[in-house]
Amino acid sequence: MEILVLCAFCTGLAVCVLRGWSILLALLFGLLLFFSYGRFKGFPWTELLHMALSGVRTIRKILPVFLLIGALSALWRASGAIPLIVCFAVRFIQPSIFYLAAFLLNCGVSVLMGSSFGTAATMGAVCMSMSAVLGLNPVLSGGAVLSGIYFGDRWSPVSTSALLVCELTGTDLFSNLKKMFRTSLIPFLLACGVYTASGLSIHGAAAPLDIESAFARQFVLRWPALLPVSAILLLSALRVNVKWTMLTSIALAAACCAALQTMSFPDICRAMLLGFRTADPELAAMLNGGGVVSMANGLAIVSISSAYSGLFRQTGLLDGAKRLLARAARSATPFTAVAGFALVSNVVGCSQTLSILLTHQLCGEVEPDPQSLAIDLEDSSVILAPLVPWSLASAVPLASIAAPTASILAACYLYFLPLTRLADSFWCKTHRKTEVS
């Protein structure tokens, strides 16, 4: 019975992906399916509802953070912070180091924004435009951008995925960031090496886009616009609570909107709620977006997915899968089991959030230490999602930067990170066996 239910759910997901429908439809279908399974097992409807709500309650603390991130991303655009960062960054792009620069610039912006989609629509779009002007390989350029935007999606104090992992595992965000830096250092350096080597044969003068004059038509580009960004960096370094950090940045960004960009209070509030909008068609593709409303889809996906976890935990739907993972962990390593299931859940679920929630629920016994499980989730569910061509994590950014799907093959950082973790996990297991013997 359990296999039939899961196959039906997978079929629903596949139909939505192939038809181009919202994944929310598939998730709602799954919710109905799992409720029906629970009823078949003899649970009353009221108890099933309590199960689902218990799952949502596990992530209740991060739901307001989603709204803050939406407001923050809109005001960073409206205040001139993002335009100023982009204008400053593109001055350093030369053809021979373009792939490396594209990777590093998108790493930097994604750490600041905490959003792969937001970074792709701003710095990613600029890099791909420059790649076209310079006549460079679009696959390599898209791969460098995809690697960069997920560097920060994983390792940022304002990343929704990082906050979700912390909430699920009950771990400290800044401790996780410190450990994630360690596991990502070698993959990061390897990716830098690959992108540097890829550009060695490229010669010619840079032909940067006239981004600054385009932004100057809409914004006053002065250094105070960077104050909201500086606040995020400083307060995060001081380990201030992420909600207060974001509220401080929002307040500074609103002040910059009023003082620098001469926006009225109603316009600032409208941008926070509905997102930043500009009538300039050249800038709209790069800057329009953000706002509390923009997070509604993400909130719905996270809420429904977390409801699944409550139903799965108490109806026993995934108990068989748990036993298989436990055997895999014993015969190989815990990270192998976590990464293997994370890949499968991303392939089937098409959603980074759903993969995080399911992998956490099934692999809690495989990796009982909460801190280790948090890092395993970040190095598997989060980073493997964009490697699935039909996943939202890859389809949306690649579409927004007009890069070919084959760019996934050139996103080398996304391969190096889980592969180095796998190698390290097997080395540690072998080393422990040697010490015991």
Protein backbone atom coordinates (compact mmCIF):
# COMPACT_ATOMS: atom_id res chain seq x y z
CA MET A 1 0.00 0.00 0.00
CA GLU A 2 2.76 2.44 0.95
CA ILE A 3 4.52 1.89 -2.39
CA LEU A 4 1.30 2.56 -4.32
CA VAL A 5 0.70 5.80 -2.42
CA LEU A 6 4.24 7.04 -3.04
CA CYS A 7 4.04 6.04 -6.73
CA ALA A 8 0.79 7.97 -7.09
CA PHE A 9 2.43 11.01 -5.51
CA CYS A 10 5.43 10.74 -7.85
CA THR A 11 3.08 10.46 -10.81
CA GLY A 12 1.30 13.65 -9.75
CA LEU A 13 4.62 15.47 -9.49
CA ALA A 14 5.70 14.20 -12.90
CA VAL A 15 2.46 15.35 -14.53
CA CYS A 16 2.84 18.85 -13.06
CA VAL A 17 6.45 19.11 -14.24
CA LEU A 18 5.68 17.86 -17.76
CA ARG A 19 2.63 20.11 -18.07
CA GLY A 20 4.42 23.12 -16.65
CA TRP A 21 1.88 23.47 -13.84
CA SER A 22 2.72 24.90 -10.44
CA ILE A 23 4.30 22.40 -8.08
CA LEU A 24 1.77 23.59 -5.49
CA LEU A 25 -0.90 21.60 -7.34
CA ALA A 26 1.18 18.45 -6.96
CA LEU A 27 1.80 19.19 -3.27
CA LEU A 28 -1.91 19.74 -2.62
CA PHE A 29 -2.65 16.47 -4.44
CA GLY A 30 -0.07 14.79 -2.22
CA LEU A 31 -1.66 16.26 0.89
CA LEU A 32 -5.04 14.80 -0.10
CA LEU A 33 -3.35 11.49 -0.95
CA PHE A 34 -1.54 11.23 2.39
CA PHE A 35 -4.66 12.21 4.33
CA SER A 36 -6.51 9.42 2.51
CA TYR A 37 -3.74 6.96 3.38
CA GLY A 38 -3.99 7.93 7.04
CA ARG A 39 -7.75 7.48 6.94
CA PHE A 40 -7.25 4.04 5.35
CA LYS A 41 -4.94 3.16 8.27
CA GLY A 42 -7.76 3.98 10.69
CA PHE A 43 -6.83 7.49 11.86
CA PRO A 44 -9.79 9.90 12.22
CA TRP A 45 -9.78 13.09 10.13
CA THR A 46 -9.34 15.33 13.19
CA GLU A 47 -6.27 13.40 14.30
CA LEU A 48 -4.79 13.57 10.78
CA LEU A 49 -5.32 17.34 10.80
CA HIS A 50 -3.46 17.57 14.13
CA MET A 51 -0.62 15.50 12.61
CA ALA A 52 -0.32 17.89 9.68
CA LEU A 53 -0.41 20.95 11.94
CA SER A 54 2.25 19.41 14.20
CA GLY A 55 4.52 19.28 11.15
CA VAL A 56 3.86 22.94 10.35
CA ARG A 57 4.56 23.90 13.96
CA THR A 58 8.11 22.54 13.65
CA ILE A 59 8.98 25.38 11.26
CA ARG A 60 6.72 28.11 12.67
CA LYS A 61 9.64 30.25 13.83
CA ILE A 62 11.04 30.73 10.35
CA LEU A 63 7.74 31.63 8.65
CA PRO A 64 7.99 35.32 9.70
CA VAL A 65 11.58 35.30 8.42
CA PHE A 66 10.28 34.51 4.93
CA LEU A 67 8.23 37.71 5.04
CA LEU A 68 11.21 39.74 6.27
CA ILE A 69 13.36 38.38 3.44
CA GLY A 70 10.71 39.39 0.91
CA ALA A 71 10.60 42.94 2.26
CA LEU A 72 14.40 43.10 2.48
CA SER A 73 14.98 41.97 -1.10
CA ALA A 74 12.54 44.59 -2.43
CA LEU A 75 14.06 47.47 -0.45
CA TRP A 76 17.63 46.52 -1.37
CA ARG A 77 16.55 46.94 -4.98
CA ALA A 78 14.60 50.16 -4.38
CA SER A 79 17.29 51.80 -2.21
CA GLY A 80 19.99 51.39 -4.88
CA ALA A 81 22.02 48.85 -2.88
CA ILE A 82 21.82 46.06 -5.48
CA PRO A 83 22.38 48.40 -8.46
CA LEU A 84 25.44 49.91 -6.75
CA ILE A 85 26.94 46.48 -6.02
CA VAL A 86 26.36 45.36 -9.62
CA CYS A 87 27.90 48.53 -11.07
CA PHE A 88 30.97 48.17 -8.88
CA ALA A 89 31.42 44.47 -9.61
CA VAL A 90 31.22 44.56 -13.40
CA ARG A 91 34.23 46.89 -13.59
CA PHE A 92 36.50 43.99 -12.72
CA ILE A 93 35.35 41.53 -15.37
CA GLN A 94 37.97 40.79 -18.05
CA PRO A 95 37.58 38.11 -20.77
CA SER A 96 40.49 35.95 -19.57
CA ILE A 97 39.06 35.71 -16.06
CA PHE A 98 35.40 35.99 -16.98
CA TYR A 99 34.28 32.52 -15.82
CA LEU A 100 36.12 32.92 -12.51
CA ALA A 101 34.76 36.45 -12.06
CA ALA A 102 31.21 35.34 -12.86
CA PHE A 103 31.49 32.59 -10.23
CA LEU A 104 32.98 34.87 -7.56
CA LEU A 105 30.62 37.79 -8.19
CA ASN A 106 27.56 35.58 -7.97
CA CYS A 107 29.00 33.96 -4.83
CA GLY A 108 29.34 37.39 -3.22
CA VAL A 109 25.90 38.70 -4.20
CA SER A 110 24.17 35.46 -3.21
CA VAL A 111 25.78 35.55 0.24
CA LEU A 112 24.44 39.09 0.69
CA MET A 113 20.98 38.36 -0.67
CA GLY A 114 20.63 34.78 0.54
CA SER A 115 18.59 34.06 -2.58
CA SER A 116 19.63 32.04 -5.61
CA PHE A 117 16.69 33.34 -7.64
CA GLY A 118 17.33 36.98 -6.68
CA THR A 119 21.03 36.70 -7.47
CA ALA A 120 20.32 35.03 -10.82
CA ALA A 121 17.94 37.84 -11.80
CA THR A 122 20.50 40.55 -10.96
CA MET A 123 24.18 39.65 -11.09
CA GLY A 124 23.51 36.43 -13.01
CA ALA A 125 21.63 38.28 -15.75
CA VAL A 126 24.41 40.87 -16.03
CA CYS A 127 27.09 38.17 -16.32
CA MET A 128 25.21 36.30 -19.03
CA SER A 129 24.67 39.52 -20.97
CA MET A 130 28.39 40.25 -20.81
CA SER A 131 29.15 36.68 -21.86
CA ALA A 132 27.05 37.17 -24.98
CA VAL A 133 28.75 40.50 -25.78
CA LEU A 134 32.20 38.91 -25.41
CA GLY A 135 31.21 35.87 -27.46
CA LEU A 136 32.02 33.41 -24.66
CA ASN A 137 30.72 29.89 -24.14
CA PRO A 138 27.16 30.17 -22.74
CA VAL A 139 27.33 26.71 -21.15
CA LEU A 140 30.44 27.59 -19.13
CA SER A 141 29.08 31.04 -18.29
CA GLY A 142 25.76 29.60 -17.13
CA GLY A 143 27.55 26.94 -15.09
CA ALA A 144 29.68 29.55 -13.33
CA VAL A 145 26.58 31.59 -12.51
CA LEU A 146 24.64 28.54 -11.28
CA SER A 147 27.55 27.52 -9.04
CA GLY A 148 27.82 31.03 -7.62
CA ILE A 149 24.16 31.61 -6.85
CA TYR A 150 23.96 28.38 -4.84
CA PHE A 151 27.14 29.12 -2.93
CA GLY A 152 25.22 31.82 -1.06
CA ASP A 153 21.89 30.01 -1.12
CA ARG A 154 23.67 27.46 1.08
CA TRP A 155 26.04 29.74 3.00
CA SER A 156 24.26 32.98 3.92
CA PRO A 157 22.85 34.24 7.23
CA VAL A 158 19.67 35.31 5.39
CA SER A 159 19.18 32.16 3.32
CA THR A 160 15.76 30.53 3.75
CA SER A 161 17.23 27.06 3.20
CA ALA A 162 19.89 27.61 5.89
CA LEU A 163 17.26 28.91 8.30
CA LEU A 164 14.96 25.98 7.54
CA VAL A 165 17.73 23.47 8.25
CA CYS A 166 18.52 25.22 11.55
CA GLU A 167 14.87 25.14 12.61
CA LEU A 168 14.43 21.48 11.72
CA THR A 169 17.61 20.29 13.43
CA GLY A 170 17.47 22.69 16.39
CA THR A 171 20.99 23.95 15.66
CA ASP A 172 22.59 27.40 15.76
CA LEU A 173 22.79 29.22 12.44
CA PHE A 174 26.23 30.70 12.97
CA SER A 175 27.72 27.42 14.17
CA ASN A 176 26.34 25.81 11.02
CA LEU A 177 27.82 28.56 8.84
CA LYS A 178 31.22 28.01 10.42
CA LYS A 179 31.11 24.27 9.75
CA MET A 180 29.74 24.79 6.25
CA PHE A 181 32.70 27.03 5.47
CA ARG A 182 35.05 24.19 6.35
CA THR A 183 33.29 21.62 4.17
CA SER A 184 33.03 24.05 1.24
CA LEU A 185 36.59 25.40 1.23
CA ILE A 186 38.20 22.67 -0.93
CA PRO A 187 35.25 22.48 -3.40
CA PHE A 188 35.33 26.29 -3.67
CA LEU A 189 39.06 26.32 -4.46
CA LEU A 190 38.65 23.48 -6.96
CA ALA A 191 35.84 25.37 -8.70
CA CYS A 192 37.99 28.51 -8.82
CA GLY A 193 40.77 26.45 -10.41
CA VAL A 194 38.46 25.00 -13.06
CA TYR A 195 36.96 28.38 -13.99
CA THR A 196 40.41 30.00 -14.08
CA ALA A 197 41.76 27.28 -16.36
CA SER A 198 38.68 27.55 -18.59
CA GLY A 199 39.46 31.19 -19.37
CA LEU A 200 43.22 30.93 -19.98
CA SER A 201 42.81 30.58 -23.74
CA ILE A 202 40.52 33.62 -24.02
CA HIS A 203 42.11 36.82 -25.27
CA GLY A 204 40.80 40.25 -26.10
CA ALA A 205 39.73 43.45 -24.44
CA ALA A 206 36.75 43.64 -22.15
CA ALA A 207 33.58 45.10 -23.56
CA PRO A 208 31.51 45.75 -20.46
CA LEU A 209 27.88 46.69 -20.72
CA ASP A 210 27.02 50.28 -19.86
CA ILE A 211 25.21 49.15 -16.75
CA GLU A 212 26.04 52.23 -14.67
CA SER A 213 24.39 54.73 -17.00
CA ALA A 214 21.31 52.50 -17.22
CA PHE A 215 21.02 52.35 -13.43
CA ALA A 216 21.74 56.08 -13.12
CA ARG A 217 18.51 56.83 -14.98
CA GLN A 218 16.56 55.34 -12.08
CA PHE A 219 18.80 55.58 -8.99
CA VAL A 220 21.10 57.90 -7.12
CA LEU A 221 24.19 55.68 -6.84
CA ARG A 222 26.03 56.85 -3.72
CA TRP A 223 27.85 54.95 -0.98
CA PRO A 224 25.13 55.38 1.72
CA ALA A 225 23.04 52.92 -0.32
CA LEU A 226 25.43 50.23 0.92
CA LEU A 227 24.49 50.79 4.58
CA PRO A 228 21.72 48.12 4.57
CA VAL A 229 24.19 45.59 3.16
CA SER A 230 26.89 46.60 5.65
CA ALA A 231 24.42 46.11 8.49
CA ILE A 232 23.79 42.51 7.42
CA LEU A 233 27.52 41.78 7.29
CA LEU A 234 28.36 43.50 10.60
CA LEU A 235 25.44 42.17 12.65
CA SER A 236 25.89 38.65 11.25
CA ALA A 237 29.58 38.77 12.24
CA LEU A 238 28.45 39.81 15.75
CA ARG A 239 26.00 36.84 15.75
CA VAL A 240 22.96 39.06 16.30
CA ASN A 241 19.63 37.26 15.94
CA VAL A 242 18.77 37.02 12.25
CA LYS A 243 15.34 38.64 12.68
CA TRP A 244 16.82 41.72 14.34
CA THR A 245 19.57 41.79 11.73
CA MET A 246 17.06 41.84 8.91
CA LEU A 247 14.80 44.38 10.63
CA THR A 248 17.80 46.70 11.03
CA SER A 249 18.72 46.31 7.37
CA ILE A 250 15.10 46.92 6.33
CA ALA A 251 14.99 50.13 8.38
CA LEU A 252 18.24 51.39 6.85
CA ALA A 253 17.09 50.46 3.34
CA ALA A 254 13.80 52.30 3.87
CA ALA A 255 15.76 55.36 5.03
CA CYS A 256 17.92 55.18 1.88
CA CYS A 257 14.79 54.89 -0.26
CA ALA A 258 13.46 58.08 1.28
CA ALA A 259 16.71 60.09 1.51
CA LEU A 260 18.55 58.98 -1.66
CA GLN A 261 15.82 57.86 -4.04
CA THR A 262 13.16 60.36 -2.79
CA MET A 263 10.51 57.67 -2.44
CA SER A 264 7.38 58.54 -0.48
CA PHE A 265 6.33 56.51 2.54
CA PRO A 266 3.38 54.90 0.69
CA ASP A 267 5.72 53.92 -2.17
CA ILE A 268 8.17 52.33 0.27
CA CYS A 269 5.39 50.36 1.93
CA ARG A 270 4.06 49.31 -1.48
CA ALA A 271 7.51 48.08 -2.50
CA MET A 272 7.88 46.12 0.74
CA LEU A 273 4.52 44.45 0.23
CA LEU A 274 4.27 44.01 -3.56
CA GLY A 275 7.93 44.20 -4.58
CA PHE A 276 10.03 46.75 -6.43
CA ARG A 277 8.82 47.72 -9.90
CA THR A 278 10.38 49.99 -12.48
CA ALA A 279 8.87 51.12 -15.77
CA ASP A 280 12.29 51.06 -17.46
CA PRO A 281 12.21 47.88 -19.59
CA GLU A 282 16.01 47.55 -19.57
CA LEU A 283 16.12 47.50 -15.78
CA ALA A 284 12.88 45.65 -15.16
CA ALA A 285 14.30 42.26 -16.16
CA MET A 286 17.14 42.65 -13.65
CA LEU A 287 15.50 44.44 -10.74
CA ASN A 288 11.75 43.90 -10.60
CA GLY A 289 10.81 41.57 -7.79
CA GLY A 290 10.97 40.98 -4.07
CA GLY A 291 8.28 41.96 -1.61
CA VAL A 292 6.29 40.07 0.98
CA VAL A 293 3.86 38.83 -1.69
CA SER A 294 6.73 37.21 -3.63
CA MET A 295 7.30 34.85 -0.70
CA ALA A 296 3.73 33.51 -0.73
CA ASN A 297 4.60 30.63 -3.05
CA GLY A 298 7.63 29.69 -0.95
CA LEU A 299 5.61 29.91 2.26
CA ALA A 300 2.95 27.64 0.81
CA ILE A 301 5.51 25.08 -0.38
CA VAL A 302 7.29 25.04 2.98
CA SER A 303 4.02 24.82 4.94
CA ILE A 304 2.54 21.98 2.87
CA SER A 305 5.85 20.10 2.81
CA SER A 306 6.18 20.38 6.58
CA ALA A 307 2.61 19.11 6.95
CA TYR A 308 3.80 16.01 5.08
CA SER A 309 6.46 15.45 7.71
CA GLY A 310 3.86 15.39 10.48
CA LEU A 311 1.71 12.90 8.57
CA PHE A 312 4.66 10.68 7.61
CA ARG A 313 6.02 10.61 11.15
CA GLN A 314 2.79 9.44 12.80
CA THR A 315 1.20 7.27 10.08
CA GLY A 316 4.41 5.31 9.44
CA LEU A 317 4.23 5.76 5.66
CA LEU A 318 8.00 6.00 5.30
CA ASP A 319 9.08 3.45 7.90
CA GLY A 320 10.19 1.02 5.19
CA ALA A 321 12.36 3.68 3.58
CA LYS A 322 13.92 4.43 6.98
CA ARG A 323 14.98 0.80 7.37
CA LEU A 324 16.57 0.80 3.90
CA LEU A 325 18.51 3.97 4.72
CA ALA A 326 19.71 2.51 8.02
CA ARG A 327 21.13 -0.50 6.17
CA ALA A 328 22.76 1.76 3.58
CA ALA A 329 24.39 3.82 6.34
CA ARG A 330 25.81 0.71 8.01
CA SER A 331 27.22 -0.74 4.78
CA ALA A 332 28.58 2.57 3.49
CA THR A 333 28.56 5.83 5.52
CA PRO A 334 25.83 8.03 7.04
CA PHE A 335 26.52 10.81 4.54
CA THR A 336 26.18 8.33 1.67
CA ALA A 337 22.69 7.41 2.86
CA VAL A 338 21.71 11.06 3.43
CA ALA A 339 23.05 12.22 0.05
CA GLY A 340 21.52 9.25 -1.77
CA PHE A 341 18.05 9.91 -0.42
CA ALA A 342 18.47 13.67 -0.92
CA LEU A 343 19.21 13.09 -4.60
CA VAL A 344 16.22 10.79 -5.03
CA SER A 345 13.89 13.21 -3.22
CA ASN A 346 15.09 16.09 -5.41
CA VAL A 347 14.63 14.04 -8.58
CA VAL A 348 11.13 12.96 -7.55
CA GLY A 349 9.99 16.01 -5.59
CA CYS A 350 11.40 18.74 -7.85
CA SER A 351 11.68 20.96 -4.78
CA GLN A 352 14.64 21.83 -2.59
CA THR A 353 12.36 22.50 0.37
CA LEU A 354 10.55 19.17 0.10
CA SER A 355 13.88 17.36 -0.18
CA ILE A 356 15.20 19.07 2.98
CA LEU A 357 12.09 18.16 4.98
CA LEU A 358 11.86 14.55 3.80
CA THR A 359 15.59 13.89 4.12
CA HIS A 360 15.62 15.33 7.62
CA GLN A 361 12.72 13.15 8.69
CA LEU A 362 14.07 9.93 7.24
CA CYS A 363 17.72 10.39 8.12
CA GLY A 364 17.39 11.48 11.73
CA GLU A 365 18.30 7.98 12.93
CA VAL A 366 21.01 7.55 10.28
CA GLU A 367 22.80 10.67 11.57
CA PRO A 368 21.56 11.16 15.16
CA ASP A 369 23.82 14.15 15.93
CA PRO A 370 21.78 17.29 15.05
CA GLN A 371 24.84 19.36 14.08
CA SER A 372 26.17 16.66 11.75
CA LEU A 373 22.73 16.13 10.22
CA ALA A 374 22.39 19.88 9.58
CA ILE A 375 25.67 19.98 7.64
CA ASP A 376 24.76 16.78 5.79
CA LEU A 377 21.47 18.36 4.69
CA GLU A 378 23.23 21.51 3.51
CA ASP A 379 25.79 19.47 1.56
CA SER A 380 23.19 17.20 -0.04
CA SER A 381 19.56 18.35 -0.26
CA VAL A 382 20.41 22.02 -0.71
CA ILE A 383 23.31 21.65 -3.13
CA LEU A 384 21.97 18.75 -5.23
CA ALA A 385 18.63 20.39 -6.06
CA PRO A 386 19.98 22.59 -8.90
CA LEU A 387 21.60 19.56 -10.56
CA VAL A 388 18.14 18.16 -11.42
CA PRO A 389 17.13 19.75 -14.76
CA TRP A 390 13.37 19.67 -14.05
CA SER A 391 13.72 20.96 -10.48
CA LEU A 392 12.60 24.50 -9.69
CA ALA A 393 16.09 25.08 -8.28
CA SER A 394 17.65 24.84 -11.73
CA ALA A 395 14.80 25.60 -14.14
CA VAL A 396 13.93 29.02 -12.70
CA PRO A 397 17.47 30.49 -12.47
CA LEU A 398 18.50 29.15 -15.89
CA ALA A 399 15.38 30.63 -17.45
CA SER A 400 15.93 34.00 -15.78
CA ILE A 401 19.51 34.27 -17.11
CA ALA A 402 18.67 32.71 -20.49
CA ALA A 403 21.29 30.00 -20.10
CA PRO A 404 21.07 26.53 -21.71
CA THR A 405 20.10 23.54 -19.58
CA ALA A 406 23.51 22.04 -20.37
CA SER A 407 24.95 24.70 -18.01
CA ILE A 408 24.14 22.27 -15.20
CA LEU A 409 27.07 20.16 -16.44
CA ALA A 410 29.43 23.13 -15.95
CA ALA A 411 28.25 23.98 -12.42
CA CYS A 412 31.34 22.28 -11.02
CA TYR A 413 31.07 23.62 -7.44
CA LEU A 414 27.75 21.78 -7.10
CA TYR A 415 29.51 18.51 -7.99
CA PHE A 416 32.72 19.08 -6.03
CA LEU A 417 30.97 19.72 -2.70
CA PRO A 418 29.03 16.43 -2.32
CA LEU A 419 31.83 14.42 -3.94
CA THR A 420 34.47 15.73 -1.53
CA ARG A 421 32.09 15.06 1.36
CA LEU A 422 31.59 11.48 0.14
CA ALA A 423 35.33 10.97 -0.17
CA ASP A 424 35.88 12.44 3.30
CA SER A 425 33.19 10.24 4.85
CA PHE A 426 34.74 7.07 3.42
CA TRP A 427 38.25 8.18 4.45
CA CYS A 428 37.06 8.79 8.02
CA LYS A 429 35.36 5.39 8.13
CA THR A 430 38.48 3.63 6.84
CA HIS A 431 40.67 5.61 9.23
CA ARG A 432 38.51 4.62 12.21
CA LYS A 433 38.66 0.94 11.19
CA THR A 434 42.44 1.17 10.96
CA GLU A 435 42.68 2.69 14.44
CA VAL A 436 40.42 -0.01 15.93
CA SER A 437 42.42 -2.82 14.35
